[in-house]
């Protein structure tokens, strides 16, 4: 049995991993997964670079950024980083304080991000741009991952941020305003992926393939509505603060047939092109990025999923 450490941001979007652990899918495919939570992308990418984790479930924008030497962690360019599996669109939602009723009302206000140059910051900037707000029309502060940004927004330390499901549901329940869904604005976007170092993946090919097979099987299980009640029990076991009602709403959003988890583990290449377009527009130092194949290797997924 191969031990595999997977670094994640805490939240319901890890549901596939929770299910694969609880119903024995990882073990069935010869791996034992240990989860390692990260507070932010700088810590996560540092862990991946030094090998304190084997796999990172992360925004593919982080992988692109560090391959190109544009990351915030002081670890230099990381040409070893690559994505081997696509998971979802990121489930991104622009959420604002209760008294902000439109995106235009964010002019002169403060928005928060995980990191200023990686992750989903550029999605936030693009949503604002398409609604008439250019950089300089608003202030940007670096706060950390989804949990940290949600807490800061709730305490009104900032005026708006991007929240991934289910934190947008929590925000709505608290009276905050959901102003936009990222995927509705961008149409196609590759969000979270399974990522690793190329040398580690090459040396542990069976573990990578087993991880993909278990993850995809877990999503198939989740999408079967006959398993909905058990799925919610598993989620609440992992996230005890989550109410039954919130878990039910989370199920409907994360497992939406159109915009939910990807069923086959493949990278959305058109969505990755959107990532590269945004990074070409906003990243510093400026680079024009145009070759999606530089950042992922679909051979593992082809071997895992027929």
C-alpha atoms as a PDB file:
ATOM      1  CA  UNK A   1       0.000   0.000   0.000  1.00  0.00           C
ATOM      2  CA  UNK A   2       1.524   3.307  -1.146  1.00  0.00           C
ATOM      3  CA  UNK A   3       1.219   6.273   1.245  1.00  0.00           C
ATOM      4  CA  UNK A   4       0.252   9.516  -0.532  1.00  0.00           C
ATOM      5  CA  UNK A   5       0.028  12.926   1.164  1.00  0.00           C
ATOM      6  CA  UNK A   6      -2.498  15.258  -0.428  1.00  0.00           C
ATOM      7  CA  UNK A   7      -2.406  18.977   0.390  1.00  0.00           C
ATOM      8  CA  UNK A   8      -5.816  20.694   0.274  1.00  0.00           C
ATOM      9  CA  UNK A   9      -7.631  23.864   1.158  1.00  0.00           C
ATOM     10  CA  UNK A  10     -10.235  22.969   3.810  1.00  0.00           C
ATOM     11  CA  UNK A  11     -13.820  22.799   2.625  1.00  0.00           C
ATOM     12  CA  UNK A  12     -16.644  20.830   1.076  1.00  0.00           C
ATOM     13  CA  UNK A  13     -14.936  20.858  -2.322  1.00  0.00           C
ATOM     14  CA  UNK A  14     -12.806  17.975  -0.938  1.00  0.00           C
ATOM     15  CA  UNK A  15     -15.916  15.784  -0.960  1.00  0.00           C
ATOM     16  CA  UNK A  16     -14.484  13.381  -3.535  1.00  0.00           C
ATOM     17  CA  UNK A  17     -11.484  12.714  -1.291  1.00  0.00           C
ATOM     18  CA  UNK A  18     -13.681  12.253   1.789  1.00  0.00           C
ATOM     19  CA  UNK A  19     -15.859   9.714  -0.045  1.00  0.00           C
ATOM     20  CA  UNK A  20     -12.893   7.832  -1.488  1.00  0.00           C
ATOM     21  CA  UNK A  21     -11.502   7.458   2.034  1.00  0.00           C
ATOM     22  CA  UNK A  22     -14.782   6.510   3.705  1.00  0.00           C
ATOM     23  CA  UNK A  23     -15.931   3.859   1.240  1.00  0.00           C
ATOM     24  CA  UNK A  24     -12.487   2.381   0.642  1.00  0.00           C
ATOM     25  CA  UNK A  25     -11.826   3.511  -2.927  1.00  0.00           C
ATOM     26  CA  UNK A  26      -8.250   4.626  -2.290  1.00  0.00           C
ATOM     27  CA  UNK A  27      -7.441   1.314  -0.611  1.00  0.00           C
ATOM     28  CA  UNK A  28      -9.035  -0.555  -3.498  1.00  0.00           C
ATOM     29  CA  UNK A  29      -6.557   1.156  -5.808  1.00  0.00           C
ATOM     30  CA  UNK A  30      -3.505   0.501  -3.665  1.00  0.00           C
ATOM     31  CA  UNK A  31      -2.976   3.818  -1.899  1.00  0.00           C
ATOM     32  CA  UNK A  32      -3.407   5.236   1.587  1.00  0.00           C
ATOM     33  CA  UNK A  33      -4.179   8.959   1.473  1.00  0.00           C
ATOM     34  CA  UNK A  34      -3.319  11.382   4.248  1.00  0.00           C
ATOM     35  CA  UNK A  35      -4.798  14.883   3.985  1.00  0.00           C
ATOM     36  CA  UNK A  36      -2.746  17.957   4.820  1.00  0.00           C
ATOM     37  CA  UNK A  37      -4.636  21.256   5.108  1.00  0.00           C
ATOM     38  CA  UNK A  38      -3.082  24.512   3.957  1.00  0.00           C
ATOM     39  CA  UNK A  39      -3.929  28.074   5.030  1.00  0.00           C
ATOM     40  CA  UNK A  40      -2.959  29.610   1.681  1.00  0.00           C
ATOM     41  CA  UNK A  41      -1.422  28.951  -1.707  1.00  0.00           C
ATOM     42  CA  UNK A  42       2.064  30.155  -0.713  1.00  0.00           C
ATOM     43  CA  UNK A  43       2.239  27.466   1.982  1.00  0.00           C
ATOM     44  CA  UNK A  44       0.761  24.884  -0.370  1.00  0.00           C
ATOM     45  CA  UNK A  45       3.140  25.528  -3.264  1.00  0.00           C
ATOM     46  CA  UNK A  46       6.086  25.578  -0.868  1.00  0.00           C
ATOM     47  CA  UNK A  47       5.030  22.194   0.512  1.00  0.00           C
ATOM     48  CA  UNK A  48       4.737  20.777  -2.993  1.00  0.00           C
ATOM     49  CA  UNK A  49       8.153  22.120  -3.990  1.00  0.00           C
ATOM     50  CA  UNK A  50      10.009  20.612  -1.019  1.00  0.00           C
ATOM     51  CA  UNK A  51       8.119  17.338  -1.054  1.00  0.00           C
ATOM     52  CA  UNK A  52       6.257  17.567   2.255  1.00  0.00           C
ATOM     53  CA  UNK A  53       3.206  16.689   0.182  1.00  0.00           C
ATOM     54  CA  UNK A  54       2.988  14.487  -2.883  1.00  0.00           C
ATOM     55  CA  UNK A  55      -0.163  15.854  -4.493  1.00  0.00           C
ATOM     56  CA  UNK A  56      -1.769  19.285  -4.226  1.00  0.00           C
ATOM     57  CA  UNK A  57      -5.426  19.883  -4.975  1.00  0.00           C
ATOM     58  CA  UNK A  58      -5.034  23.445  -6.148  1.00  0.00           C
ATOM     59  CA  UNK A  59      -6.010  26.033  -8.739  1.00  0.00           C
ATOM     60  CA  UNK A  60      -4.228  25.285 -11.991  1.00  0.00           C
ATOM     61  CA  UNK A  61      -3.385  28.993 -12.088  1.00  0.00           C
ATOM     62  CA  UNK A  62      -1.001  28.277  -9.202  1.00  0.00           C
ATOM     63  CA  UNK A  63       0.749  25.621 -11.273  1.00  0.00           C
ATOM     64  CA  UNK A  64       1.058  27.939 -14.270  1.00  0.00           C
ATOM     65  CA  UNK A  65       2.341  30.765 -12.066  1.00  0.00           C
ATOM     66  CA  UNK A  66       5.102  28.724 -10.472  1.00  0.00           C
ATOM     67  CA  UNK A  67       6.149  27.055 -13.708  1.00  0.00           C
ATOM     68  CA  UNK A  68       6.553  30.570 -15.145  1.00  0.00           C
ATOM     69  CA  UNK A  69       8.362  31.967 -12.099  1.00  0.00           C
ATOM     70  CA  UNK A  70       5.470  34.293 -11.196  1.00  0.00           C
ATOM     71  CA  UNK A  71       4.524  32.787  -7.830  1.00  0.00           C
ATOM     72  CA  UNK A  72       4.555  34.637  -4.510  1.00  0.00           C
ATOM     73  CA  UNK A  73       6.407  31.991  -2.487  1.00  0.00           C
ATOM     74  CA  UNK A  74      10.190  32.566  -2.531  1.00  0.00           C
ATOM     75  CA  UNK A  75      10.880  29.217  -4.177  1.00  0.00           C
ATOM     76  CA  UNK A  76      11.759  30.357  -7.703  1.00  0.00           C
ATOM     77  CA  UNK A  77      10.438  28.849 -10.914  1.00  0.00           C
ATOM     78  CA  UNK A  78       9.131  25.299 -10.559  1.00  0.00           C
ATOM     79  CA  UNK A  79       9.275  23.593 -13.977  1.00  0.00           C
ATOM     80  CA  UNK A  80       8.578  20.275 -12.221  1.00  0.00           C
ATOM     81  CA  UNK A  81       5.012  21.302 -11.334  1.00  0.00           C
ATOM     82  CA  UNK A  82       2.228  19.940 -13.536  1.00  0.00           C
ATOM     83  CA  UNK A  83      -1.446  18.994 -13.404  1.00  0.00           C
ATOM     84  CA  UNK A  84      -2.462  15.381 -13.997  1.00  0.00           C
ATOM     85  CA  UNK A  85      -6.217  15.606 -13.341  1.00  0.00           C
ATOM     86  CA  UNK A  86      -8.990  18.171 -13.628  1.00  0.00           C
ATOM     87  CA  UNK A  87     -11.486  18.446 -10.773  1.00  0.00           C
ATOM     88  CA  UNK A  88     -13.801  21.425 -11.211  1.00  0.00           C
ATOM     89  CA  UNK A  89     -14.277  25.065 -12.202  1.00  0.00           C
ATOM     90  CA  UNK A  90     -13.338  26.331  -8.742  1.00  0.00           C
ATOM     91  CA  UNK A  91     -16.985  26.992  -7.780  1.00  0.00           C
ATOM     92  CA  UNK A  92     -16.165  30.705  -7.575  1.00  0.00           C
ATOM     93  CA  UNK A  93     -18.665  33.323  -6.457  1.00  0.00           C
ATOM     94  CA  UNK A  94     -18.224  37.055  -5.962  1.00  0.00           C
ATOM     95  CA  UNK A  95     -19.716  37.847  -2.560  1.00  0.00           C
ATOM     96  CA  UNK A  96     -19.965  41.293  -0.977  1.00  0.00           C
ATOM     97  CA  UNK A  97     -21.100  42.974   2.212  1.00  0.00           C
ATOM     98  CA  UNK A  98     -24.842  43.297   2.701  1.00  0.00           C
ATOM     99  CA  UNK A  99     -24.993  46.981   1.751  1.00  0.00           C
ATOM    100  CA  UNK A 100     -23.217  46.491  -1.591  1.00  0.00           C
ATOM    101  CA  UNK A 101     -25.907  45.642  -4.102  1.00  0.00           C
ATOM    102  CA  UNK A 102     -23.974  45.776  -7.388  1.00  0.00           C
ATOM    103  CA  UNK A 103     -20.486  45.148  -8.702  1.00  0.00           C
ATOM    104  CA  UNK A 104     -20.193  48.781  -9.717  1.00  0.00           C
ATOM    105  CA  UNK A 105     -20.702  49.760  -6.065  1.00  0.00           C
ATOM    106  CA  UNK A 106     -17.284  48.241  -5.309  1.00  0.00           C
ATOM    107  CA  UNK A 107     -15.570  51.300  -6.778  1.00  0.00           C
ATOM    108  CA  UNK A 108     -13.326  52.710  -4.074  1.00  0.00           C
ATOM    109  CA  UNK A 109     -13.898  49.662  -1.876  1.00  0.00           C
ATOM    110  CA  UNK A 110     -11.529  46.906  -0.740  1.00  0.00           C
ATOM    111  CA  UNK A 111     -11.551  43.347  -2.074  1.00  0.00           C
ATOM    112  CA  UNK A 112      -9.549  40.421  -0.719  1.00  0.00           C
ATOM    113  CA  UNK A 113      -7.582  37.625  -2.386  1.00  0.00           C
ATOM    114  CA  UNK A 114      -5.538  34.612  -1.328  1.00  0.00           C
ATOM    115  CA  UNK A 115      -2.400  35.823  -3.107  1.00  0.00           C
ATOM    116  CA  UNK A 116      -1.952  38.902  -5.265  1.00  0.00           C
ATOM    117  CA  UNK A 117      -0.369  37.133  -8.224  1.00  0.00           C
ATOM    118  CA  UNK A 118      -1.761  33.590  -8.208  1.00  0.00           C
ATOM    119  CA  UNK A 119      -4.847  31.489  -7.638  1.00  0.00           C
ATOM    120  CA  UNK A 120      -8.184  33.114  -8.334  1.00  0.00           C
ATOM    121  CA  UNK A 121      -7.173  36.752  -7.945  1.00  0.00           C
ATOM    122  CA  UNK A 122      -7.260  37.271 -11.704  1.00  0.00           C
ATOM    123  CA  UNK A 123     -10.792  35.859 -11.923  1.00  0.00           C
ATOM    124  CA  UNK A 124     -11.850  38.511  -9.420  1.00  0.00           C
ATOM    125  CA  UNK A 125     -10.067  41.241 -11.381  1.00  0.00           C
ATOM    126  CA  UNK A 126     -11.687  40.077 -14.626  1.00  0.00           C
ATOM    127  CA  UNK A 127     -15.208  40.021 -13.166  1.00  0.00           C
ATOM    128  CA  UNK A 128     -14.656  43.579 -11.956  1.00  0.00           C
ATOM    129  CA  UNK A 129     -13.197  44.659 -15.330  1.00  0.00           C
ATOM    130  CA  UNK A 130     -16.156  43.291 -17.243  1.00  0.00           C
ATOM    131  CA  UNK A 131     -18.382  45.340 -14.984  1.00  0.00           C
ATOM    132  CA  UNK A 132     -16.543  48.612 -15.576  1.00  0.00           C
ATOM    133  CA  UNK A 133     -13.944  48.567 -12.789  1.00  0.00           C
ATOM    134  CA  UNK A 134     -10.274  48.690 -13.741  1.00  0.00           C
ATOM    135  CA  UNK A 135      -7.284  48.065 -11.441  1.00  0.00           C
ATOM    136  CA  UNK A 136      -6.923  51.230  -9.396  1.00  0.00           C
ATOM    137  CA  UNK A 137     -10.692  51.630  -9.036  1.00  0.00           C
ATOM    138  CA  UNK A 138     -10.586  49.408  -5.956  1.00  0.00           C
ATOM    139  CA  UNK A 139      -8.128  48.316  -3.270  1.00  0.00           C
ATOM    140  CA  UNK A 140      -6.798  44.758  -3.016  1.00  0.00           C
ATOM    141  CA  UNK A 141      -5.508  43.043   0.119  1.00  0.00           C
ATOM    142  CA  UNK A 142      -3.991  39.597   0.573  1.00  0.00           C
ATOM    143  CA  UNK A 143      -5.848  37.630   3.262  1.00  0.00           C
ATOM    144  CA  UNK A 144      -5.411  33.882   2.622  1.00  0.00           C
ATOM    145  CA  UNK A 145      -7.543  30.905   1.626  1.00  0.00           C
ATOM    146  CA  UNK A 146     -11.304  30.684   1.375  1.00  0.00           C
ATOM    147  CA  UNK A 147     -11.818  30.190   5.119  1.00  0.00           C
ATOM    148  CA  UNK A 148      -9.737  33.233   5.994  1.00  0.00           C
ATOM    149  CA  UNK A 149     -11.427  35.393   3.366  1.00  0.00           C
ATOM    150  CA  UNK A 150     -14.889  34.328   4.496  1.00  0.00           C
ATOM    151  CA  UNK A 151     -14.075  35.178   8.110  1.00  0.00           C
ATOM    152  CA  UNK A 152     -12.621  38.549   7.142  1.00  0.00           C
ATOM    153  CA  UNK A 153     -15.628  39.417   4.980  1.00  0.00           C
ATOM    154  CA  UNK A 154     -18.028  38.416   7.727  1.00  0.00           C
ATOM    155  CA  UNK A 155     -16.153  40.744  10.091  1.00  0.00           C
ATOM    156  CA  UNK A 156     -16.305  43.505   7.428  1.00  0.00           C
ATOM    157  CA  UNK A 157     -12.542  43.803   7.191  1.00  0.00           C
ATOM    158  CA  UNK A 158     -13.030  43.961   3.420  1.00  0.00           C
ATOM    159  CA  UNK A 159     -16.005  44.673   1.206  1.00  0.00           C
ATOM    160  CA  UNK A 160     -15.964  41.717  -1.209  1.00  0.00           C
ATOM    161  CA  UNK A 161     -14.118  38.555  -2.185  1.00  0.00           C
ATOM    162  CA  UNK A 162     -14.431  35.354  -4.184  1.00  0.00           C
ATOM    163  CA  UNK A 163     -15.799  32.459  -2.147  1.00  0.00           C
ATOM    164  CA  UNK A 164     -15.941  28.834  -3.235  1.00  0.00           C
ATOM    165  CA  UNK A 165     -18.968  26.697  -2.426  1.00  0.00           C
ATOM    166  CA  UNK A 166     -20.134  26.150   0.308  1.00  0.00           C
ATOM    167  CA  UNK A 167     -18.844  29.425   1.764  1.00  0.00           C
ATOM    168  CA  UNK A 168     -21.008  31.429  -0.633  1.00  0.00           C
ATOM    169  CA  UNK A 169     -24.032  29.597   0.783  1.00  0.00           C
ATOM    170  CA  UNK A 170     -22.942  30.475   4.323  1.00  0.00           C
ATOM    171  CA  UNK A 171     -22.496  34.077   3.217  1.00  0.00           C
ATOM    172  CA  UNK A 172     -25.983  34.281   1.709  1.00  0.00           C
ATOM    173  CA  UNK A 173     -27.453  32.802   4.883  1.00  0.00           C
ATOM    174  CA  UNK A 174     -25.635  35.522   6.853  1.00  0.00           C
ATOM    175  CA  UNK A 175     -27.249  38.233   4.725  1.00  0.00           C
ATOM    176  CA  UNK A 176     -24.289  38.981   2.464  1.00  0.00           C
ATOM    177  CA  UNK A 177     -24.800  39.548  -1.260  1.00  0.00           C
ATOM    178  CA  UNK A 178     -23.735  37.117  -3.988  1.00  0.00           C
ATOM    179  CA  UNK A 179     -23.100  39.400  -6.941  1.00  0.00           C
ATOM    180  CA  UNK A 180     -21.838  36.976  -9.603  1.00  0.00           C
ATOM    181  CA  UNK A 181     -20.861  33.388 -10.344  1.00  0.00           C
ATOM    182  CA  UNK A 182     -17.417  33.122 -11.855  1.00  0.00           C
ATOM    183  CA  UNK A 183     -18.327  30.463 -14.411  1.00  0.00           C
ATOM    184  CA  UNK A 184     -21.321  32.498 -15.594  1.00  0.00           C
ATOM    185  CA  UNK A 185     -18.993  35.403 -16.373  1.00  0.00           C
ATOM    186  CA  UNK A 186     -16.104  33.421 -17.892  1.00  0.00           C
ATOM    187  CA  UNK A 187     -18.127  30.580 -19.499  1.00  0.00           C
ATOM    188  CA  UNK A 188     -15.176  28.141 -19.365  1.00  0.00           C
ATOM    189  CA  UNK A 189     -12.583  28.006 -16.618  1.00  0.00           C
ATOM    190  CA  UNK A 190     -10.292  25.285 -15.293  1.00  0.00           C
ATOM    191  CA  UNK A 191     -10.222  25.668 -11.542  1.00  0.00           C
ATOM    192  CA  UNK A 192      -8.946  22.983  -9.195  1.00  0.00           C
ATOM    193  CA  UNK A 193      -6.700  20.189 -10.393  1.00  0.00           C
ATOM    194  CA  UNK A 194      -4.668  17.359  -8.993  1.00  0.00           C
ATOM    195  CA  UNK A 195      -1.033  18.471  -9.293  1.00  0.00           C
ATOM    196  CA  UNK A 196       2.353  16.991  -8.483  1.00  0.00           C
ATOM    197  CA  UNK A 197       6.036  17.188  -9.325  1.00  0.00           C
ATOM    198  CA  UNK A 198       6.872  15.454 -12.604  1.00  0.00           C
ATOM    199  CA  UNK A 199       9.711  13.422 -11.103  1.00  0.00           C
ATOM    200  CA  UNK A 200       7.555  12.187  -8.218  1.00  0.00           C
ATOM    201  CA  UNK A 201       4.674  11.263 -10.537  1.00  0.00           C
ATOM    202  CA  UNK A 202       6.992   9.424 -12.910  1.00  0.00           C
ATOM    203  CA  UNK A 203       8.444   7.420 -10.022  1.00  0.00           C
ATOM    204  CA  UNK A 204       4.978   6.724  -8.553  1.00  0.00           C
ATOM    205  CA  UNK A 205       2.895   6.238 -11.688  1.00  0.00           C
ATOM    206  CA  UNK A 206       0.708   3.531 -10.148  1.00  0.00           C
ATOM    207  CA  UNK A 207      -0.104   5.794  -7.194  1.00  0.00           C
ATOM    208  CA  UNK A 208      -1.105   8.683  -9.467  1.00  0.00           C
ATOM    209  CA  UNK A 209      -3.274   6.417 -11.617  1.00  0.00           C
ATOM    210  CA  UNK A 210      -4.812   4.865  -8.510  1.00  0.00           C
ATOM    211  CA  UNK A 211      -5.562   8.319  -7.100  1.00  0.00           C
ATOM    212  CA  UNK A 212      -7.331   9.369 -10.305  1.00  0.00           C
ATOM    213  CA  UNK A 213      -9.349   6.158 -10.476  1.00  0.00           C
ATOM    214  CA  UNK A 214     -10.439   6.448  -6.852  1.00  0.00           C
ATOM    215  CA  UNK A 215     -11.301  10.142  -7.182  1.00  0.00           C
ATOM    216  CA  UNK A 216     -13.354   9.659 -10.354  1.00  0.00           C
ATOM    217  CA  UNK A 217     -15.136   6.656  -8.831  1.00  0.00           C
ATOM    218  CA  UNK A 218     -15.940   8.766  -5.749  1.00  0.00           C
ATOM    219  CA  UNK A 219     -17.510  11.444  -7.940  1.00  0.00           C
ATOM    220  CA  UNK A 220     -19.561   8.820  -9.799  1.00  0.00           C
ATOM    221  CA  UNK A 221     -20.768   7.617  -6.401  1.00  0.00           C
ATOM    222  CA  UNK A 222     -21.589  11.169  -5.330  1.00  0.00           C
ATOM    223  CA  UNK A 223     -23.552  11.919  -8.494  1.00  0.00           C
ATOM    224  CA  UNK A 224     -25.761   8.881  -7.850  1.00  0.00           C
ATOM    225  CA  UNK A 225     -28.605  10.506  -5.940  1.00  0.00           C
ATOM    226  CA  UNK A 226     -29.336   7.193  -4.251  1.00  0.00           C
ATOM    227  CA  UNK A 227     -26.191   7.948  -2.223  1.00  0.00           C
ATOM    228  CA  UNK A 228     -27.164  11.525  -1.363  1.00  0.00           C
ATOM    229  CA  UNK A 229     -28.039  10.895   2.305  1.00  0.00           C
ATOM    230  CA  UNK A 230     -24.866   8.884   2.912  1.00  0.00           C
ATOM    231  CA  UNK A 231     -22.816  11.503   1.070  1.00  0.00           C
ATOM    232  CA  UNK A 232     -24.184  14.224   3.336  1.00  0.00           C
ATOM    233  CA  UNK A 233     -23.414  12.092   6.396  1.00  0.00           C
ATOM    234  CA  UNK A 234     -19.805  11.723   5.219  1.00  0.00           C
ATOM    235  CA  UNK A 235     -19.467  15.450   4.572  1.00  0.00           C
ATOM    236  CA  UNK A 236     -20.848  16.374   7.989  1.00  0.00           C
ATOM    237  CA  UNK A 237     -18.585  13.817   9.637  1.00  0.00           C
ATOM    238  CA  UNK A 238     -15.581  15.584   8.071  1.00  0.00           C
ATOM    239  CA  UNK A 239     -16.959  19.089   8.646  1.00  0.00           C
ATOM    240  CA  UNK A 240     -18.913  18.857  11.928  1.00  0.00           C
ATOM    241  CA  UNK A 241     -19.841  22.558  11.898  1.00  0.00           C
ATOM    242  CA  UNK A 242     -21.890  22.043   8.714  1.00  0.00           C
ATOM    243  CA  UNK A 243     -25.638  21.835   9.267  1.00  0.00           C
ATOM    244  CA  UNK A 244     -27.863  19.314   7.515  1.00  0.00           C
ATOM    245  CA  UNK A 245     -29.480  22.121   5.522  1.00  0.00           C
ATOM    246  CA  UNK A 246     -26.156  23.599   4.423  1.00  0.00           C
ATOM    247  CA  UNK A 247     -24.880  20.164   3.422  1.00  0.00           C
ATOM    248  CA  UNK A 248     -27.969  19.627   1.296  1.00  0.00           C
ATOM    249  CA  UNK A 249     -27.520  22.962  -0.479  1.00  0.00           C
ATOM    250  CA  UNK A 250     -23.833  22.179  -0.978  1.00  0.00           C
ATOM    251  CA  UNK A 251     -24.744  18.884  -2.624  1.00  0.00           C
ATOM    252  CA  UNK A 252     -26.977  20.656  -5.144  1.00  0.00           C
ATOM    253  CA  UNK A 253     -24.265  23.180  -6.098  1.00  0.00           C
ATOM    254  CA  UNK A 254     -21.181  20.952  -6.162  1.00  0.00           C
ATOM    255  CA  UNK A 255     -23.012  18.163  -7.971  1.00  0.00           C
ATOM    256  CA  UNK A 256     -24.912  20.280 -10.452  1.00  0.00           C
ATOM    257  CA  UNK A 257     -25.008  18.260 -13.705  1.00  0.00           C
ATOM    258  CA  UNK A 258     -23.845  21.297 -15.710  1.00  0.00           C
ATOM    259  CA  UNK A 259     -21.400  23.104 -13.415  1.00  0.00           C
ATOM    260  CA  UNK A 260     -20.442  20.533 -10.775  1.00  0.00           C
ATOM    261  CA  UNK A 261     -17.389  18.325 -10.355  1.00  0.00           C
ATOM    262  CA  UNK A 262     -15.899  17.023 -13.596  1.00  0.00           C
ATOM    263  CA  UNK A 263     -16.972  13.416 -14.111  1.00  0.00           C
ATOM    264  CA  UNK A 264     -13.986  12.054 -16.059  1.00  0.00           C
ATOM    265  CA  UNK A 265     -10.981  13.689 -14.402  1.00  0.00           C
ATOM    266  CA  UNK A 266      -9.891  15.384 -17.631  1.00  0.00           C
ATOM    267  CA  UNK A 267      -8.449  18.888 -17.845  1.00  0.00           C
ATOM    268  CA  UNK A 268     -10.827  21.360 -19.517  1.00  0.00           C
ATOM    269  CA  UNK A 269      -8.376  22.675 -22.127  1.00  0.00           C
ATOM    270  CA  UNK A 270     -10.682  25.522 -23.157  1.00  0.00           C
ATOM    271  CA  UNK A 271     -10.968  26.452 -19.488  1.00  0.00           C
ATOM    272  CA  UNK A 272      -7.183  26.328 -19.158  1.00  0.00           C
ATOM    273  CA  UNK A 273      -6.906  28.711 -22.114  1.00  0.00           C
ATOM    274  CA  UNK A 274      -9.062  31.152 -20.114  1.00  0.00           C
ATOM    275  CA  UNK A 275      -6.606  30.809 -17.216  1.00  0.00           C
ATOM    276  CA  UNK A 276      -3.712  31.617 -19.555  1.00  0.00           C
ATOM    277  CA  UNK A 277      -5.541  34.596 -21.049  1.00  0.00           C
ATOM    278  CA  UNK A 278      -6.170  36.074 -17.598  1.00  0.00           C
ATOM    279  CA  UNK A 279      -2.599  35.426 -16.497  1.00  0.00           C
ATOM    280  CA  UNK A 280      -1.311  37.060 -19.697  1.00  0.00           C
ATOM    281  CA  UNK A 281      -3.439  40.116 -18.915  1.00  0.00           C
ATOM    282  CA  UNK A 282      -2.782  40.547 -15.205  1.00  0.00           C
ATOM    283  CA  UNK A 283       0.370  38.702 -14.096  1.00  0.00           C
ATOM    284  CA  UNK A 284       3.699  40.358 -13.335  1.00  0.00           C
ATOM    285  CA  UNK A 285       6.242  40.166 -14.795  1.00  0.00           C
ATOM    286  CA  UNK A 286       4.126  40.220 -17.931  1.00  0.00           C
ATOM    287  CA  UNK A 287       4.257  37.172 -20.197  1.00  0.00           C
ATOM    288  CA  UNK A 288       2.097  36.066 -23.084  1.00  0.00           C
ATOM    289  CA  UNK A 289       1.097  32.487 -22.364  1.00  0.00           C
ATOM    290  CA  UNK A 290      -0.446  30.364 -25.078  1.00  0.00           C
ATOM    291  CA  UNK A 291       0.450  26.676 -24.826  1.00  0.00           C
ATOM    292  CA  UNK A 292      -1.884  24.787 -22.443  1.00  0.00           C
ATOM    293  CA  UNK A 293       0.029  21.520 -22.926  1.00  0.00           C
ATOM    294  CA  UNK A 294       3.001  22.982 -21.058  1.00  0.00           C
ATOM    295  CA  UNK A 295       1.174  22.711 -17.746  1.00  0.00           C
ATOM    296  CA  UNK A 296      -0.485  19.297 -17.738  1.00  0.00           C
ATOM    297  CA  UNK A 297       0.062  15.711 -18.791  1.00  0.00           C
ATOM    298  CA  UNK A 298      -3.076  13.801 -19.735  1.00  0.00           C
ATOM    299  CA  UNK A 299      -1.252  10.459 -20.023  1.00  0.00           C
ATOM    300  CA  UNK A 300      -2.026   9.581 -16.404  1.00  0.00           C
ATOM    301  CA  UNK A 301      -5.725  10.289 -16.828  1.00  0.00           C
ATOM    302  CA  UNK A 302      -5.850   8.326 -20.100  1.00  0.00           C
ATOM    303  CA  UNK A 303      -4.303   5.372 -18.299  1.00  0.00           C
ATOM    304  CA  UNK A 304      -6.718   5.689 -15.373  1.00  0.00           C
ATOM    305  CA  UNK A 305     -10.043   6.399 -17.074  1.00  0.00           C
ATOM    306  CA  UNK A 306     -11.228   4.610 -20.198  1.00  0.00           C
END
